[in-house]
Amino acid sequence: MDPELEVKLKQIFDHLDRNKNGSIDFEELKYGLKNAGIQIDDDQIQKMISSADENKNQTIEFEEFFRIASKSIKPDLNTISEYWMQFSNKPIVKTTEAPAWKLLIAGGVAGAVSRTCTSPLERLKILNQVEGMKDQKTMQKGVVRGLVHMYKTEGLLGFFKGNGTNVIRIAPYSAIQFLSYERYKLGMYYKWGEGQNDPNRTSPKAIHLTPIQNMIAGGLAGITALLCTYPLDLIRSRLTVQVKETKYSGIYGTFRLVVSEEGYKGLYKGMHTSILGVAPYVARNYT
C-alpha cells in the first residue's frame, strides 16, 4: 500500500464524511459530489454505493472507498468519481466457492429437469423441422393439434420418445456449460480484469466483467459444452424423428449404426452450424 496515496485518499474520504463517523452514506456522497461541481443523478449514486459496499450496511468505510479510489488514474475526486461510475456500471457476477463436482451436479440436474418438462414440445419441434420426411406431413397442424396427433398415434410415451437420450445429452451439456462458464469467467478476471493485479490469484467474492467479457465467457462455455456432447445430440435427433420405421434402436445401437455407415465423422455432422447458433445464444444468456 502506497503511504502517500493512502494519505491523499484519506483526506478526500474525510472531506466527504461530513459527520465524521468514519463512513460515507448516500446523502454525504451526494452532497460532496455536488459541492465539487460533479453532477450525478441519485440512481447512479446508489449504484456507486452498492458497488463498493462489501459489508452491505449501506455506507462506505475507508477500506471500501480505498479499494475503489486506489484504482483511479489520479487521486482527485473528479477522476475517482468518473472511475467509480464506470466500475458501478459493470455487471457484477457472483462467484462460487463450490467444488467442480458440485457445479457439475447442479448444472446437470437443472438441465435434465427442464428438458424433461419440455420434452413434448421439443419432439414436436423436431418432427415439424423434418415434416417432409416419410409420413409426417400431418404434423403441420399447429402445436395443439400436433400434440393431439402425437398422443393418438403413439400414446403418452410418444411425448417422451427420445427423451432418455435427450436427458443423457442435456445433463452433461448443462453441467459442462455451467462449470466452463465459471472457469472462463475467472480466466477473464485474472487475464484482462481487475484480477490481473493479484499475483496470488485469491478467490474474489464478486467479479466485475464488462458486457463483452461476459459474452465471450458465455459463448466459450456454450461451445465447450457442445463439443463434448454433440454426438449425443445427433443420436437424440436420429431417434426422435422416427415415427413408424425403427432403423435406430437405443443409444448404443444408434451409435454403432452411425459409426458403421458414416464413420466417426458422422457423429459430428452439422456441428459447425450448431456452433454458429449456440455460441451467440449462450453468450446472450450470460450477459
C-alpha atoms as a PDB file:
ATOM      1  CA  MET A   1       0.000   0.000   0.000  1.00  0.00           C
ATOM      2  CA  ASP A   2       1.436   3.384  -1.033  1.00  0.00           C
ATOM      3  CA  PRO A   3       1.515   5.573   2.133  1.00  0.00           C
ATOM      4  CA  GLU A   4       1.366   8.821   0.150  1.00  0.00           C
ATOM      5  CA  LEU A   5      -1.627   7.637  -1.879  1.00  0.00           C
ATOM      6  CA  GLU A   6      -3.337   6.448   1.290  1.00  0.00           C
ATOM      7  CA  VAL A   7      -2.922   9.869   2.894  1.00  0.00           C
ATOM      8  CA  LYS A   8      -4.410  11.669  -0.146  1.00  0.00           C
ATOM      9  CA  LEU A   9      -7.356   9.318  -0.354  1.00  0.00           C
ATOM     10  CA  LYS A  10      -7.946   9.598   3.412  1.00  0.00           C
ATOM     11  CA  GLN A  11      -8.161  13.370   3.016  1.00  0.00           C
ATOM     12  CA  ILE A  12     -10.769  13.008   0.255  1.00  0.00           C
ATOM     13  CA  PHE A  13     -12.674  10.462   2.341  1.00  0.00           C
ATOM     14  CA  ASP A  14     -12.656  12.717   5.414  1.00  0.00           C
ATOM     15  CA  HIS A  15     -13.893  15.606   3.279  1.00  0.00           C
ATOM     16  CA  LEU A  16     -16.869  13.517   2.129  1.00  0.00           C
ATOM     17  CA  ASP A  17     -17.505  12.183   5.646  1.00  0.00           C
ATOM     18  CA  ARG A  18     -19.343  15.284   6.911  1.00  0.00           C
ATOM     19  CA  ASN A  19     -20.496  13.875  10.264  1.00  0.00           C
ATOM     20  CA  LYS A  20     -17.082  12.333  10.958  1.00  0.00           C
ATOM     21  CA  ASN A  21     -18.391   8.905  11.918  1.00  0.00           C
ATOM     22  CA  GLY A  22     -15.887   7.008   9.795  1.00  0.00           C
ATOM     23  CA  SER A  23     -18.243   6.181   6.901  1.00  0.00           C
ATOM     24  CA  ILE A  24     -19.907   7.834   3.918  1.00  0.00           C
ATOM     25  CA  ASP A  25     -23.629   7.430   3.360  1.00  0.00           C
ATOM     26  CA  PHE A  26     -25.785   8.284   0.338  1.00  0.00           C
ATOM     27  CA  GLU A  27     -26.512  11.878   1.378  1.00  0.00           C
ATOM     28  CA  GLU A  28     -22.887  12.617   2.201  1.00  0.00           C
ATOM     29  CA  LEU A  29     -21.640  11.297  -1.124  1.00  0.00           C
ATOM     30  CA  LYS A  30     -24.355  13.176  -2.980  1.00  0.00           C
ATOM     31  CA  TYR A  31     -23.527  16.440  -1.170  1.00  0.00           C
ATOM     32  CA  GLY A  32     -19.773  16.024  -1.638  1.00  0.00           C
ATOM     33  CA  LEU A  33     -20.061  15.378  -5.372  1.00  0.00           C
ATOM     34  CA  LYS A  34     -22.495  18.259  -5.877  1.00  0.00           C
ATOM     35  CA  ASN A  35     -20.295  20.606  -3.847  1.00  0.00           C
ATOM     36  CA  ALA A  36     -17.351  19.686  -6.101  1.00  0.00           C
ATOM     37  CA  GLY A  37     -19.415  20.530  -9.205  1.00  0.00           C
ATOM     38  CA  ILE A  38     -19.914  16.892 -10.194  1.00  0.00           C
ATOM     39  CA  GLN A  39     -23.480  16.287 -11.382  1.00  0.00           C
ATOM     40  CA  ILE A  40     -24.568  12.676 -10.881  1.00  0.00           C
ATOM     41  CA  ASP A  41     -28.188  11.547 -10.548  1.00  0.00           C
ATOM     42  CA  ASP A  42     -29.467   9.726  -7.465  1.00  0.00           C
ATOM     43  CA  ASP A  43     -29.798   6.335  -9.157  1.00  0.00           C
ATOM     44  CA  GLN A  44     -26.165   6.410 -10.260  1.00  0.00           C
ATOM     45  CA  ILE A  45     -25.005   7.441  -6.785  1.00  0.00           C
ATOM     46  CA  GLN A  46     -26.916   4.497  -5.321  1.00  0.00           C
ATOM     47  CA  LYS A  47     -25.190   2.185  -7.808  1.00  0.00           C
ATOM     48  CA  MET A  48     -21.841   3.604  -6.719  1.00  0.00           C
ATOM     49  CA  ILE A  49     -22.679   2.936  -3.068  1.00  0.00           C
ATOM     50  CA  SER A  50     -23.861  -0.616  -3.810  1.00  0.00           C
ATOM     51  CA  SER A  51     -20.809  -1.499  -5.904  1.00  0.00           C
ATOM     52  CA  ALA A  52     -18.365  -0.543  -3.126  1.00  0.00           C
ATOM     53  CA  ASP A  53     -20.433  -1.610  -0.100  1.00  0.00           C
ATOM     54  CA  GLU A  54     -18.997  -5.074   0.561  1.00  0.00           C
ATOM     55  CA  ASN A  55     -20.482  -5.495   4.057  1.00  0.00           C
ATOM     56  CA  LYS A  56     -23.939  -4.377   2.828  1.00  0.00           C
ATOM     57  CA  ASN A  57     -24.566  -1.748   5.521  1.00  0.00           C
ATOM     58  CA  GLN A  58     -25.480   0.982   3.009  1.00  0.00           C
ATOM     59  CA  THR A  59     -22.411   3.047   3.923  1.00  0.00           C
ATOM     60  CA  ILE A  60     -18.839   3.168   2.657  1.00  0.00           C
ATOM     61  CA  GLU A  61     -15.979   2.740   5.127  1.00  0.00           C
ATOM     62  CA  PHE A  62     -12.484   3.916   4.242  1.00  0.00           C
ATOM     63  CA  GLU A  63     -11.264   0.419   3.369  1.00  0.00           C
ATOM     64  CA  GLU A  64     -14.110   0.052   0.848  1.00  0.00           C
ATOM     65  CA  PHE A  65     -13.501   3.549  -0.511  1.00  0.00           C
ATOM     66  CA  PHE A  66      -9.778   2.839  -0.838  1.00  0.00           C
ATOM     67  CA  ARG A  67     -10.359  -0.324  -2.890  1.00  0.00           C
ATOM     68  CA  ILE A  68     -12.216   1.738  -5.481  1.00  0.00           C
ATOM     69  CA  ALA A  69     -10.327   5.025  -5.331  1.00  0.00           C
ATOM     70  CA  SER A  70      -6.840   3.466  -5.404  1.00  0.00           C
ATOM     71  CA  LYS A  71      -7.536   2.114  -8.904  1.00  0.00           C
ATOM     72  CA  SER A  72      -8.351   5.556 -10.266  1.00  0.00           C
ATOM     73  CA  ILE A  73      -5.792   7.210 -12.542  1.00  0.00           C
ATOM     74  CA  LYS A  74      -5.461  10.285 -10.288  1.00  0.00           C
ATOM     75  CA  PRO A  75      -6.182  10.727  -6.579  1.00  0.00           C
ATOM     76  CA  ASP A  76      -8.697  13.545  -7.003  1.00  0.00           C
ATOM     77  CA  LEU A  77     -12.462  13.489  -6.534  1.00  0.00           C
ATOM     78  CA  ASN A  78     -13.340  14.173 -10.194  1.00  0.00           C
ATOM     79  CA  THR A  79     -11.213  11.323 -11.527  1.00  0.00           C
ATOM     80  CA  ILE A  80     -12.240   8.976  -8.708  1.00  0.00           C
ATOM     81  CA  SER A  81     -15.939   9.648  -9.259  1.00  0.00           C
ATOM     82  CA  GLU A  82     -15.576   9.021 -13.007  1.00  0.00           C
ATOM     83  CA  TYR A  83     -13.851   5.686 -12.420  1.00  0.00           C
ATOM     84  CA  TRP A  84     -16.326   4.799  -9.664  1.00  0.00           C
ATOM     85  CA  MET A  85     -19.256   5.364 -12.041  1.00  0.00           C
ATOM     86  CA  GLN A  86     -17.687   3.142 -14.700  1.00  0.00           C
ATOM     87  CA  PHE A  87     -16.957   0.479 -12.076  1.00  0.00           C
ATOM     88  CA  SER A  88     -20.518   0.553 -10.726  1.00  0.00           C
ATOM     89  CA  ASN A  89     -21.979   0.081 -14.221  1.00  0.00           C
ATOM     90  CA  LYS A  90     -20.094  -3.147 -14.893  1.00  0.00           C
ATOM     91  CA  PRO A  91     -22.157  -6.321 -14.460  1.00  0.00           C
ATOM     92  CA  ILE A  92     -21.455  -7.882 -11.072  1.00  0.00           C
ATOM     93  CA  VAL A  93     -21.071 -11.622 -11.431  1.00  0.00           C
ATOM     94  CA  LYS A  94     -21.119 -13.541  -8.178  1.00  0.00           C
ATOM     95  CA  THR A  95     -18.538 -16.254  -7.834  1.00  0.00           C
ATOM     96  CA  THR A  96     -18.977 -19.546  -6.096  1.00  0.00           C
ATOM     97  CA  GLU A  97     -16.517 -21.431  -3.928  1.00  0.00           C
ATOM     98  CA  ALA A  98     -18.276 -24.742  -4.581  1.00  0.00           C
ATOM     99  CA  PRO A  99     -16.018 -27.547  -5.879  1.00  0.00           C
ATOM    100  CA  ALA A 100     -16.209 -28.571  -9.527  1.00  0.00           C
ATOM    101  CA  TRP A 101     -18.245 -31.729  -8.880  1.00  0.00           C
ATOM    102  CA  LYS A 102     -20.992 -29.713  -7.163  1.00  0.00           C
ATOM    103  CA  LEU A 103     -21.151 -27.302 -10.095  1.00  0.00           C
ATOM    104  CA  LEU A 104     -21.419 -30.251 -12.480  1.00  0.00           C
ATOM    105  CA  ILE A 105     -24.235 -31.856 -10.483  1.00  0.00           C
ATOM    106  CA  ALA A 106     -26.164 -28.597 -10.094  1.00  0.00           C
ATOM    107  CA  GLY A 107     -25.941 -27.793 -13.788  1.00  0.00           C
ATOM    108  CA  GLY A 108     -26.741 -31.358 -14.836  1.00  0.00           C
ATOM    109  CA  VAL A 109     -29.829 -31.763 -12.648  1.00  0.00           C
ATOM    110  CA  ALA A 110     -31.201 -28.382 -13.682  1.00  0.00           C
ATOM    111  CA  GLY A 111     -30.739 -29.231 -17.357  1.00  0.00           C
ATOM    112  CA  ALA A 112     -32.319 -32.697 -17.041  1.00  0.00           C
ATOM    113  CA  VAL A 113     -35.413 -31.431 -15.214  1.00  0.00           C
ATOM    114  CA  SER A 114     -36.021 -28.529 -17.588  1.00  0.00           C
ATOM    115  CA  ARG A 115     -35.556 -30.713 -20.672  1.00  0.00           C
ATOM    116  CA  THR A 116     -37.931 -33.410 -19.417  1.00  0.00           C
ATOM    117  CA  CYS A 117     -40.630 -30.811 -18.710  1.00  0.00           C
ATOM    118  CA  THR A 118     -40.398 -29.501 -22.269  1.00  0.00           C
ATOM    119  CA  SER A 119     -39.904 -32.878 -23.971  1.00  0.00           C
ATOM    120  CA  PRO A 120     -43.288 -32.946 -25.816  1.00  0.00           C
ATOM    121  CA  LEU A 121     -42.674 -29.525 -27.365  1.00  0.00           C
ATOM    122  CA  GLU A 122     -39.073 -30.414 -28.179  1.00  0.00           C
ATOM    123  CA  ARG A 123     -40.128 -33.549 -30.042  1.00  0.00           C
ATOM    124  CA  LEU A 124     -42.906 -31.707 -31.867  1.00  0.00           C
ATOM    125  CA  LYS A 125     -40.405 -29.075 -32.963  1.00  0.00           C
ATOM    126  CA  ILE A 126     -38.061 -31.688 -34.413  1.00  0.00           C
ATOM    127  CA  LEU A 127     -40.888 -33.501 -36.195  1.00  0.00           C
ATOM    128  CA  ASN A 128     -42.035 -30.236 -37.754  1.00  0.00           C
ATOM    129  CA  GLN A 129     -38.483 -29.483 -38.872  1.00  0.00           C
ATOM    130  CA  VAL A 130     -38.417 -32.744 -40.844  1.00  0.00           C
ATOM    131  CA  GLU A 131     -42.113 -32.712 -41.867  1.00  0.00           C
ATOM    132  CA  GLY A 132     -41.245 -33.505 -45.469  1.00  0.00           C
ATOM    133  CA  MET A 133     -39.840 -36.883 -44.495  1.00  0.00           C
ATOM    134  CA  LYS A 134     -41.913 -40.064 -44.603  1.00  0.00           C
ATOM    135  CA  ASP A 135     -45.464 -39.763 -43.260  1.00  0.00           C
ATOM    136  CA  GLN A 136     -45.018 -36.701 -41.083  1.00  0.00           C
ATOM    137  CA  LYS A 137     -46.991 -34.135 -43.113  1.00  0.00           C
ATOM    138  CA  THR A 138     -49.765 -34.476 -40.574  1.00  0.00           C
ATOM    139  CA  MET A 139     -47.570 -32.554 -38.152  1.00  0.00           C
ATOM    140  CA  GLN A 140     -48.307 -29.266 -39.966  1.00  0.00           C
ATOM    141  CA  LYS A 141     -51.477 -28.634 -37.947  1.00  0.00           C
ATOM    142  CA  GLY A 142     -50.016 -26.417 -35.240  1.00  0.00           C
ATOM    143  CA  VAL A 143     -48.852 -27.041 -31.690  1.00  0.00           C
ATOM    144  CA  VAL A 144     -52.083 -28.241 -30.051  1.00  0.00           C
ATOM    145  CA  ARG A 145     -53.208 -30.428 -32.966  1.00  0.00           C
ATOM    146  CA  GLY A 146     -49.677 -31.731 -33.362  1.00  0.00           C
ATOM    147  CA  LEU A 147     -49.568 -32.816 -29.727  1.00  0.00           C
ATOM    148  CA  VAL A 148     -53.031 -34.413 -30.010  1.00  0.00           C
ATOM    149  CA  HIS A 149     -51.962 -36.295 -33.149  1.00  0.00           C
ATOM    150  CA  MET A 150     -48.794 -37.463 -31.378  1.00  0.00           C
ATOM    151  CA  TYR A 151     -50.857 -38.765 -28.455  1.00  0.00           C
ATOM    152  CA  LYS A 152     -53.361 -40.596 -30.694  1.00  0.00           C
ATOM    153  CA  THR A 153     -50.689 -42.299 -32.806  1.00  0.00           C
ATOM    154  CA  GLU A 154     -48.087 -43.092 -30.141  1.00  0.00           C
ATOM    155  CA  GLY A 155     -49.763 -42.683 -26.784  1.00  0.00           C
ATOM    156  CA  LEU A 156     -48.438 -40.819 -23.752  1.00  0.00           C
ATOM    157  CA  LEU A 157     -44.976 -42.281 -24.188  1.00  0.00           C
ATOM    158  CA  GLY A 158     -44.818 -40.635 -27.602  1.00  0.00           C
ATOM    159  CA  PHE A 159     -44.393 -37.291 -25.839  1.00  0.00           C
ATOM    160  CA  PHE A 160     -41.160 -38.524 -24.304  1.00  0.00           C
ATOM    161  CA  LYS A 161     -39.761 -40.531 -27.202  1.00  0.00           C
ATOM    162  CA  GLY A 162     -36.036 -39.892 -27.329  1.00  0.00           C
ATOM    163  CA  ASN A 163     -36.160 -38.023 -24.017  1.00  0.00           C
ATOM    164  CA  GLY A 164     -33.849 -40.541 -22.314  1.00  0.00           C
ATOM    165  CA  THR A 165     -31.198 -39.712 -24.878  1.00  0.00           C
ATOM    166  CA  ASN A 166     -32.095 -36.059 -24.556  1.00  0.00           C
ATOM    167  CA  VAL A 167     -31.579 -36.109 -20.790  1.00  0.00           C
ATOM    168  CA  ILE A 168     -28.335 -38.050 -21.141  1.00  0.00           C
ATOM    169  CA  ARG A 169     -27.221 -35.365 -23.582  1.00  0.00           C
ATOM    170  CA  ILE A 170     -28.532 -32.250 -21.827  1.00  0.00           C
ATOM    171  CA  ALA A 171     -27.390 -33.213 -18.314  1.00  0.00           C
ATOM    172  CA  PRO A 172     -23.675 -33.276 -19.190  1.00  0.00           C
ATOM    173  CA  TYR A 173     -24.196 -30.355 -21.587  1.00  0.00           C
ATOM    174  CA  SER A 174     -25.669 -28.130 -18.859  1.00  0.00           C
ATOM    175  CA  ALA A 175     -23.131 -29.366 -16.328  1.00  0.00           C
ATOM    176  CA  ILE A 176     -20.147 -28.674 -18.595  1.00  0.00           C
ATOM    177  CA  GLN A 177     -21.576 -25.309 -19.669  1.00  0.00           C
ATOM    178  CA  PHE A 178     -22.107 -24.209 -16.064  1.00  0.00           C
ATOM    179  CA  LEU A 179     -18.652 -25.319 -14.937  1.00  0.00           C
ATOM    180  CA  SER A 180     -16.964 -23.899 -18.061  1.00  0.00           C
ATOM    181  CA  TYR A 181     -18.599 -20.515 -17.577  1.00  0.00           C
ATOM    182  CA  GLU A 182     -17.285 -20.306 -14.007  1.00  0.00           C
ATOM    183  CA  ARG A 183     -13.786 -21.174 -15.196  1.00  0.00           C
ATOM    184  CA  TYR A 184     -13.797 -18.855 -18.233  1.00  0.00           C
ATOM    185  CA  LYS A 185     -15.197 -16.074 -16.039  1.00  0.00           C
ATOM    186  CA  LEU A 186     -12.278 -16.399 -13.626  1.00  0.00           C
ATOM    187  CA  GLY A 187      -9.901 -16.553 -16.571  1.00  0.00           C
ATOM    188  CA  MET A 188     -11.282 -13.261 -17.912  1.00  0.00           C
ATOM    189  CA  TYR A 189     -10.991 -11.720 -14.466  1.00  0.00           C
ATOM    190  CA  TYR A 190      -7.343 -12.670 -13.991  1.00  0.00           C
ATOM    191  CA  LYS A 191      -6.245 -12.086 -17.598  1.00  0.00           C
ATOM    192  CA  TRP A 192      -7.961  -8.807 -18.508  1.00  0.00           C
ATOM    193  CA  GLY A 193      -9.939  -7.737 -15.439  1.00  0.00           C
ATOM    194  CA  GLU A 194      -9.065  -6.388 -12.035  1.00  0.00           C
ATOM    195  CA  GLY A 195      -7.546  -9.732 -11.029  1.00  0.00           C
ATOM    196  CA  GLN A 196      -4.511  -9.192 -13.276  1.00  0.00           C
ATOM    197  CA  ASN A 197      -3.006  -7.164 -10.405  1.00  0.00           C
ATOM    198  CA  ASP A 198      -3.463 -10.060  -7.983  1.00  0.00           C
ATOM    199  CA  PRO A 199      -0.339 -12.258  -8.188  1.00  0.00           C
ATOM    200  CA  ASN A 200      -1.715 -14.705  -5.611  1.00  0.00           C
ATOM    201  CA  ARG A 201      -4.987 -15.152  -7.517  1.00  0.00           C
ATOM    202  CA  THR A 202      -7.102 -15.107  -4.371  1.00  0.00           C
ATOM    203  CA  SER A 203     -10.716 -16.155  -4.965  1.00  0.00           C
ATOM    204  CA  PRO A 204     -12.874 -12.995  -5.250  1.00  0.00           C
ATOM    205  CA  LYS A 205     -16.380 -12.768  -3.763  1.00  0.00           C
ATOM    206  CA  ALA A 206     -17.659 -10.952  -6.822  1.00  0.00           C
ATOM    207  CA  ILE A 207     -16.279 -10.244 -10.278  1.00  0.00           C
ATOM    208  CA  HIS A 208     -16.934  -7.126 -12.306  1.00  0.00           C
ATOM    209  CA  LEU A 209     -16.952  -8.045 -16.004  1.00  0.00           C
ATOM    210  CA  THR A 210     -17.695  -5.842 -18.965  1.00  0.00           C
ATOM    211  CA  PRO A 211     -20.605  -6.950 -21.197  1.00  0.00           C
ATOM    212  CA  ILE A 212     -18.107  -8.038 -23.875  1.00  0.00           C
ATOM    213  CA  GLN A 213     -16.135 -10.162 -21.401  1.00  0.00           C
ATOM    214  CA  ASN A 214     -19.360 -11.717 -20.150  1.00  0.00           C
ATOM    215  CA  MET A 215     -20.429 -12.551 -23.705  1.00  0.00           C
ATOM    216  CA  ILE A 216     -17.054 -14.108 -24.516  1.00  0.00           C
ATOM    217  CA  ALA A 217     -17.102 -16.264 -21.363  1.00  0.00           C
ATOM    218  CA  GLY A 218     -20.678 -17.391 -22.064  1.00  0.00           C
ATOM    219  CA  GLY A 219     -20.002 -18.099 -25.731  1.00  0.00           C
ATOM    220  CA  LEU A 220     -16.895 -20.150 -24.970  1.00  0.00           C
ATOM    221  CA  ALA A 221     -18.824 -22.106 -22.327  1.00  0.00           C
ATOM    222  CA  GLY A 222     -21.538 -22.940 -24.857  1.00  0.00           C
ATOM    223  CA  ILE A 223     -19.008 -24.068 -27.478  1.00  0.00           C
ATOM    224  CA  THR A 224     -17.099 -26.178 -24.945  1.00  0.00           C
ATOM    225  CA  ALA A 225     -20.272 -27.955 -23.823  1.00  0.00           C
ATOM    226  CA  LEU A 226     -21.381 -28.516 -27.425  1.00  0.00           C
ATOM    227  CA  LEU A 227     -18.057 -30.050 -28.479  1.00  0.00           C
ATOM    228  CA  CYS A 228     -18.224 -32.500 -25.566  1.00  0.00           C
ATOM    229  CA  THR A 229     -21.830 -33.614 -26.094  1.00  0.00           C
ATOM    230  CA  TYR A 230     -22.594 -33.187 -29.810  1.00  0.00           C
ATOM    231  CA  PRO A 231     -22.570 -36.947 -30.633  1.00  0.00           C
ATOM    232  CA  LEU A 232     -25.361 -37.460 -28.094  1.00  0.00           C
ATOM    233  CA  ASP A 233     -27.309 -34.601 -29.684  1.00  0.00           C
ATOM    234  CA  LEU A 234     -27.047 -36.230 -33.107  1.00  0.00           C
ATOM    235  CA  ILE A 235     -28.123 -39.627 -31.710  1.00  0.00           C
ATOM    236  CA  ARG A 236     -31.060 -37.995 -29.961  1.00  0.00           C
ATOM    237  CA  SER A 237     -32.178 -36.353 -33.204  1.00  0.00           C
ATOM    238  CA  ARG A 238     -31.958 -39.630 -35.150  1.00  0.00           C
ATOM    239  CA  LEU A 239     -34.066 -41.413 -32.534  1.00  0.00           C
ATOM    240  CA  THR A 240     -36.604 -38.610 -32.185  1.00  0.00           C
ATOM    241  CA  VAL A 241     -37.550 -38.257 -35.864  1.00  0.00           C
ATOM    242  CA  GLN A 242     -38.570 -41.907 -36.127  1.00  0.00           C
ATOM    243  CA  VAL A 243     -42.335 -42.443 -36.232  1.00  0.00           C
ATOM    244  CA  LYS A 244     -43.095 -45.788 -37.909  1.00  0.00           C
ATOM    245  CA  GLU A 245     -39.784 -47.191 -39.064  1.00  0.00           C
ATOM    246  CA  THR A 246     -37.247 -48.165 -36.414  1.00  0.00           C
ATOM    247  CA  LYS A 247     -33.928 -48.019 -38.169  1.00  0.00           C
ATOM    248  CA  TYR A 248     -32.277 -46.787 -34.983  1.00  0.00           C
ATOM    249  CA  SER A 249     -32.743 -48.552 -31.658  1.00  0.00           C
ATOM    250  CA  GLY A 250     -31.312 -47.250 -28.412  1.00  0.00           C
ATOM    251  CA  ILE A 251     -28.345 -45.005 -27.777  1.00  0.00           C
ATOM    252  CA  TYR A 252     -25.640 -47.614 -28.219  1.00  0.00           C
ATOM    253  CA  GLY A 253     -27.345 -49.178 -31.246  1.00  0.00           C
ATOM    254  CA  THR A 254     -27.652 -45.796 -32.945  1.00  0.00           C
ATOM    255  CA  PHE A 255     -24.046 -45.002 -32.120  1.00  0.00           C
ATOM    256  CA  ARG A 256     -22.821 -48.221 -33.724  1.00  0.00           C
ATOM    257  CA  LEU A 257     -25.005 -47.790 -36.814  1.00  0.00           C
ATOM    258  CA  VAL A 258     -23.915 -44.200 -37.415  1.00  0.00           C
ATOM    259  CA  VAL A 259     -20.241 -45.116 -36.998  1.00  0.00           C
ATOM    260  CA  SER A 260     -20.539 -48.161 -39.295  1.00  0.00           C
ATOM    261  CA  GLU A 261     -22.362 -46.237 -42.051  1.00  0.00           C
ATOM    262  CA  GLU A 262     -20.771 -42.776 -41.790  1.00  0.00           C
ATOM    263  CA  GLY A 263     -17.639 -43.231 -39.701  1.00  0.00           C
ATOM    264  CA  TYR A 264     -16.816 -41.301 -36.542  1.00  0.00           C
ATOM    265  CA  LYS A 265     -17.105 -38.053 -38.503  1.00  0.00           C
ATOM    266  CA  GLY A 266     -20.790 -38.808 -38.846  1.00  0.00           C
ATOM    267  CA  LEU A 267     -21.212 -38.217 -35.124  1.00  0.00           C
ATOM    268  CA  TYR A 268     -20.281 -34.567 -35.684  1.00  0.00           C
ATOM    269  CA  LYS A 269     -22.336 -33.938 -38.819  1.00  0.00           C
ATOM    270  CA  GLY A 270     -23.813 -30.431 -38.740  1.00  0.00           C
ATOM    271  CA  MET A 271     -21.745 -29.370 -35.738  1.00  0.00           C
ATOM    272  CA  HIS A 272     -20.438 -26.174 -37.364  1.00  0.00           C
ATOM    273  CA  THR A 273     -23.979 -24.944 -37.905  1.00  0.00           C
ATOM    274  CA  SER A 274     -24.852 -25.742 -34.295  1.00  0.00           C
ATOM    275  CA  ILE A 275     -21.858 -23.762 -33.041  1.00  0.00           C
ATOM    276  CA  LEU A 276     -22.990 -20.727 -35.026  1.00  0.00           C
ATOM    277  CA  GLY A 277     -26.358 -20.944 -33.286  1.00  0.00           C
ATOM    278  CA  VAL A 278     -25.268 -21.947 -29.783  1.00  0.00           C
ATOM    279  CA  ALA A 279     -22.384 -19.505 -29.225  1.00  0.00           C
ATOM    280  CA  PRO A 280     -24.368 -16.240 -29.575  1.00  0.00           C
ATOM    281  CA  TYR A 281     -27.406 -17.726 -27.804  1.00  0.00           C
ATOM    282  CA  VAL A 282     -25.493 -18.829 -24.714  1.00  0.00           C
ATOM    283  CA  ALA A 283     -23.388 -15.652 -24.771  1.00  0.00           C
ATOM    284  CA  ARG A 284     -26.558 -13.551 -24.683  1.00  0.00           C
ATOM    285  CA  ASN A 285     -27.955 -15.604 -21.792  1.00  0.00           C
ATOM    286  CA  TYR A 286     -24.975 -14.750 -19.607  1.00  0.00           C
ATOM    287  CA  THR A 287     -24.944 -11.040 -20.492  1.00  0.00           C
END
